[in-house]
């Protein structure tokens, strides 16, 4: 299975007086633009997505919707899961994913540092090996889901995408 782990884009700052509750924080205009740039670049590399999972938080769902649009994946098919919420145990999401026997290309959208923990768990590392940037994407090739046995293939950042243009 190819697992694309995506951190949500730039969201409204917690210190902003207009900031809604944590679950309702949304992407800024800059966040939407940078996320779209990354999604376009990833869509040029990926033929399709079999499944998409997202944290139910607004900013993660918005990020998933941008990627879904670029990958021609129905936004209505993006599955929300508490396994991608901040503070969730990464192994719980990997066990949920293990039930998807027919999926070969899966995208998941979440939050830091959970996405870093998920990546570490997927490659069998005992601690975080990354600190993903907002709208960053990592591709992990999973040979086995339970127990996880994967290899980090690549990791890209929005800054890298902008410099490549």
Protein backbone atom coordinates (compact mmCIF):
# COMPACT_ATOMS: atom_id res chain seq x y z
CA UNK A 1 0.00 0.00 0.00
CA UNK A 2 1.13 3.52 -0.76
CA UNK A 3 0.19 5.76 2.15
CA UNK A 4 0.31 9.51 1.56
CA UNK A 5 0.40 11.31 4.89
CA UNK A 6 -0.61 14.97 4.58
CA UNK A 7 -0.50 17.68 7.24
CA UNK A 8 -3.27 20.26 6.88
CA UNK A 9 -2.46 23.65 5.35
CA UNK A 10 -1.96 26.97 7.13
CA UNK A 11 -4.95 27.69 9.36
CA UNK A 12 -6.15 30.77 11.21
CA UNK A 13 -3.86 31.49 14.14
CA UNK A 14 -5.07 30.47 17.59
CA UNK A 15 -4.15 33.98 18.81
CA UNK A 16 -6.35 35.70 16.20
CA UNK A 17 -9.36 37.32 17.93
CA UNK A 18 -11.57 35.87 15.16
CA UNK A 19 -10.26 32.34 15.78
CA UNK A 20 -13.10 29.84 16.26
CA UNK A 21 -12.90 26.79 18.57
CA UNK A 22 -10.05 24.36 17.77
CA UNK A 23 -12.17 21.91 15.76
CA UNK A 24 -13.50 24.76 13.59
CA UNK A 25 -10.20 26.47 12.74
CA UNK A 26 -10.10 26.91 8.97
CA UNK A 27 -7.46 27.41 6.28
CA UNK A 28 -6.36 30.96 5.54
CA UNK A 29 -6.23 32.26 1.96
CA UNK A 30 -2.48 31.59 1.98
CA UNK A 31 -3.15 28.13 3.39
CA UNK A 32 -5.59 27.33 0.58
CA UNK A 33 -3.16 28.59 -2.08
CA UNK A 34 -0.11 26.71 -0.77
CA UNK A 35 -2.13 23.55 -0.23
CA UNK A 36 -3.43 23.76 -3.79
CA UNK A 37 0.15 24.16 -5.13
CA UNK A 38 1.20 21.00 -3.29
CA UNK A 39 -1.93 19.10 -4.37
CA UNK A 40 -1.32 19.99 -8.02
CA UNK A 41 2.28 18.76 -7.78
CA UNK A 42 1.27 15.53 -6.02
CA UNK A 43 -1.53 14.93 -8.55
CA UNK A 44 1.11 15.08 -11.29
CA UNK A 45 2.89 12.16 -9.58
CA UNK A 46 -0.09 10.06 -8.48
CA UNK A 47 -2.48 8.39 -10.89
CA UNK A 48 -5.39 8.05 -8.46
CA UNK A 49 -6.47 7.60 -4.86
CA UNK A 50 -8.36 4.50 -3.75
CA UNK A 51 -9.29 5.99 -0.38
CA UNK A 52 -9.01 9.26 1.51
CA UNK A 53 -9.28 9.60 5.28
CA UNK A 54 -9.33 12.86 7.23
CA UNK A 55 -9.48 14.18 10.72
CA UNK A 56 -12.97 15.64 11.18
CA UNK A 57 -11.49 19.07 12.03
CA UNK A 58 -12.37 21.75 9.46
CA UNK A 59 -8.80 22.56 8.35
CA UNK A 60 -8.00 18.89 7.68
CA UNK A 61 -11.25 18.39 5.77
CA UNK A 62 -10.54 21.51 3.70
CA UNK A 63 -7.07 20.15 2.90
CA UNK A 64 -8.59 16.80 1.93
CA UNK A 65 -11.13 18.55 -0.32
CA UNK A 66 -8.35 20.41 -2.17
CA UNK A 67 -6.44 17.17 -2.76
CA UNK A 68 -9.63 15.33 -3.73
CA UNK A 69 -10.37 17.98 -6.35
CA UNK A 70 -6.88 17.73 -7.88
CA UNK A 71 -6.95 13.90 -7.83
CA UNK A 72 -10.49 13.74 -9.23
CA UNK A 73 -11.70 11.94 -6.12
CA UNK A 74 -15.23 12.64 -4.89
CA UNK A 75 -15.12 15.00 -1.89
CA UNK A 76 -18.18 13.18 -0.54
CA UNK A 77 -16.15 9.95 -0.34
CA UNK A 78 -13.52 11.41 2.03
CA UNK A 79 -13.95 9.40 5.24
CA UNK A 80 -13.70 11.19 8.55
CA UNK A 81 -11.93 9.30 11.32
CA UNK A 82 -11.07 10.10 14.91
CA UNK A 83 -7.88 8.09 14.29
CA UNK A 84 -6.41 11.21 12.66
CA UNK A 85 -7.37 13.69 15.40
CA UNK A 86 -4.62 15.45 17.35
CA UNK A 87 -3.56 13.20 20.21
CA UNK A 88 -4.93 10.00 18.65
CA UNK A 89 -2.74 6.91 18.96
CA UNK A 90 -1.12 6.37 15.50
CA UNK A 91 -1.47 2.61 15.74
CA UNK A 92 -5.25 2.96 15.94
CA UNK A 93 -5.38 4.53 12.47
CA UNK A 94 -3.00 1.90 11.06
CA UNK A 95 -5.28 -0.85 12.45
CA UNK A 96 -8.28 0.89 10.87
CA UNK A 97 -6.37 1.03 7.59
CA UNK A 98 -5.51 -2.69 7.82
CA UNK A 99 -9.22 -3.47 7.25
CA UNK A 100 -9.00 -1.88 3.78
CA UNK A 101 -7.57 -4.92 2.00
CA UNK A 102 -8.33 -3.71 -1.55
CA UNK A 103 -6.83 -0.21 -1.23
CA UNK A 104 -3.40 0.31 -2.75
CA UNK A 105 -3.22 4.12 -2.72
CA UNK A 106 -4.48 5.89 0.40
CA UNK A 107 -4.31 9.53 1.48
CA UNK A 108 -4.75 10.65 5.06
CA UNK A 109 -5.05 14.23 6.33
CA UNK A 110 -4.23 15.22 9.87
CA UNK A 111 -2.36 17.42 12.30
CA UNK A 112 1.10 17.82 13.80
CA UNK A 113 2.59 16.17 15.71
CA UNK A 114 0.18 13.26 15.08
CA UNK A 115 1.19 12.97 11.40
CA UNK A 116 4.84 12.72 12.48
CA UNK A 117 3.90 9.97 14.94
CA UNK A 118 1.90 8.17 12.26
CA UNK A 119 4.84 8.28 9.86
CA UNK A 120 7.19 7.01 12.58
CA UNK A 121 4.80 4.15 13.45
CA UNK A 122 4.40 3.24 9.77
CA UNK A 123 8.16 2.82 9.31
CA UNK A 124 8.71 1.14 12.68
CA UNK A 125 10.63 4.02 14.27
CA UNK A 126 10.40 4.34 18.04
CA UNK A 127 10.31 8.15 17.88
CA UNK A 128 9.47 10.92 15.40
CA UNK A 129 11.83 11.11 12.43
CA UNK A 130 10.10 14.09 10.80
CA UNK A 131 8.56 17.42 11.63
CA UNK A 132 6.16 17.87 8.73
CA UNK A 133 5.41 21.38 7.52
CA UNK A 134 1.86 22.59 6.96
CA UNK A 135 0.63 21.12 3.64
CA UNK A 136 3.64 18.81 3.64
CA UNK A 137 3.23 15.33 2.19
CA UNK A 138 5.08 12.09 2.91
CA UNK A 139 4.80 8.89 0.90
CA UNK A 140 5.27 5.70 2.87
CA UNK A 141 5.37 2.36 1.05
CA UNK A 142 3.74 -0.13 3.43
CA UNK A 143 4.68 -3.75 2.92
CA UNK A 144 2.56 -4.77 5.92
CA UNK A 145 0.05 -2.88 8.08
CA UNK A 146 -0.09 -5.04 11.17
CA UNK A 147 2.43 -4.82 12.62
CA UNK A 148 3.46 -1.90 10.41
CA UNK A 149 6.41 -2.41 8.09
CA UNK A 150 6.96 0.54 5.80
CA UNK A 151 9.62 2.65 4.16
CA UNK A 152 9.64 6.42 3.70
CA UNK A 153 9.88 6.99 -0.05
CA UNK A 154 9.76 10.81 -0.08
CA UNK A 155 8.68 13.89 1.82
CA UNK A 156 7.89 17.23 0.20
CA UNK A 157 7.21 20.68 1.57
CA UNK A 158 5.30 23.61 0.07
CA UNK A 159 8.58 25.57 -0.07
CA UNK A 160 10.18 22.84 -2.19
CA UNK A 161 7.22 22.91 -4.59
CA UNK A 162 7.46 26.71 -4.92
CA UNK A 163 11.21 26.57 -5.60
CA UNK A 164 10.70 23.87 -8.24
CA UNK A 165 8.46 26.12 -10.34
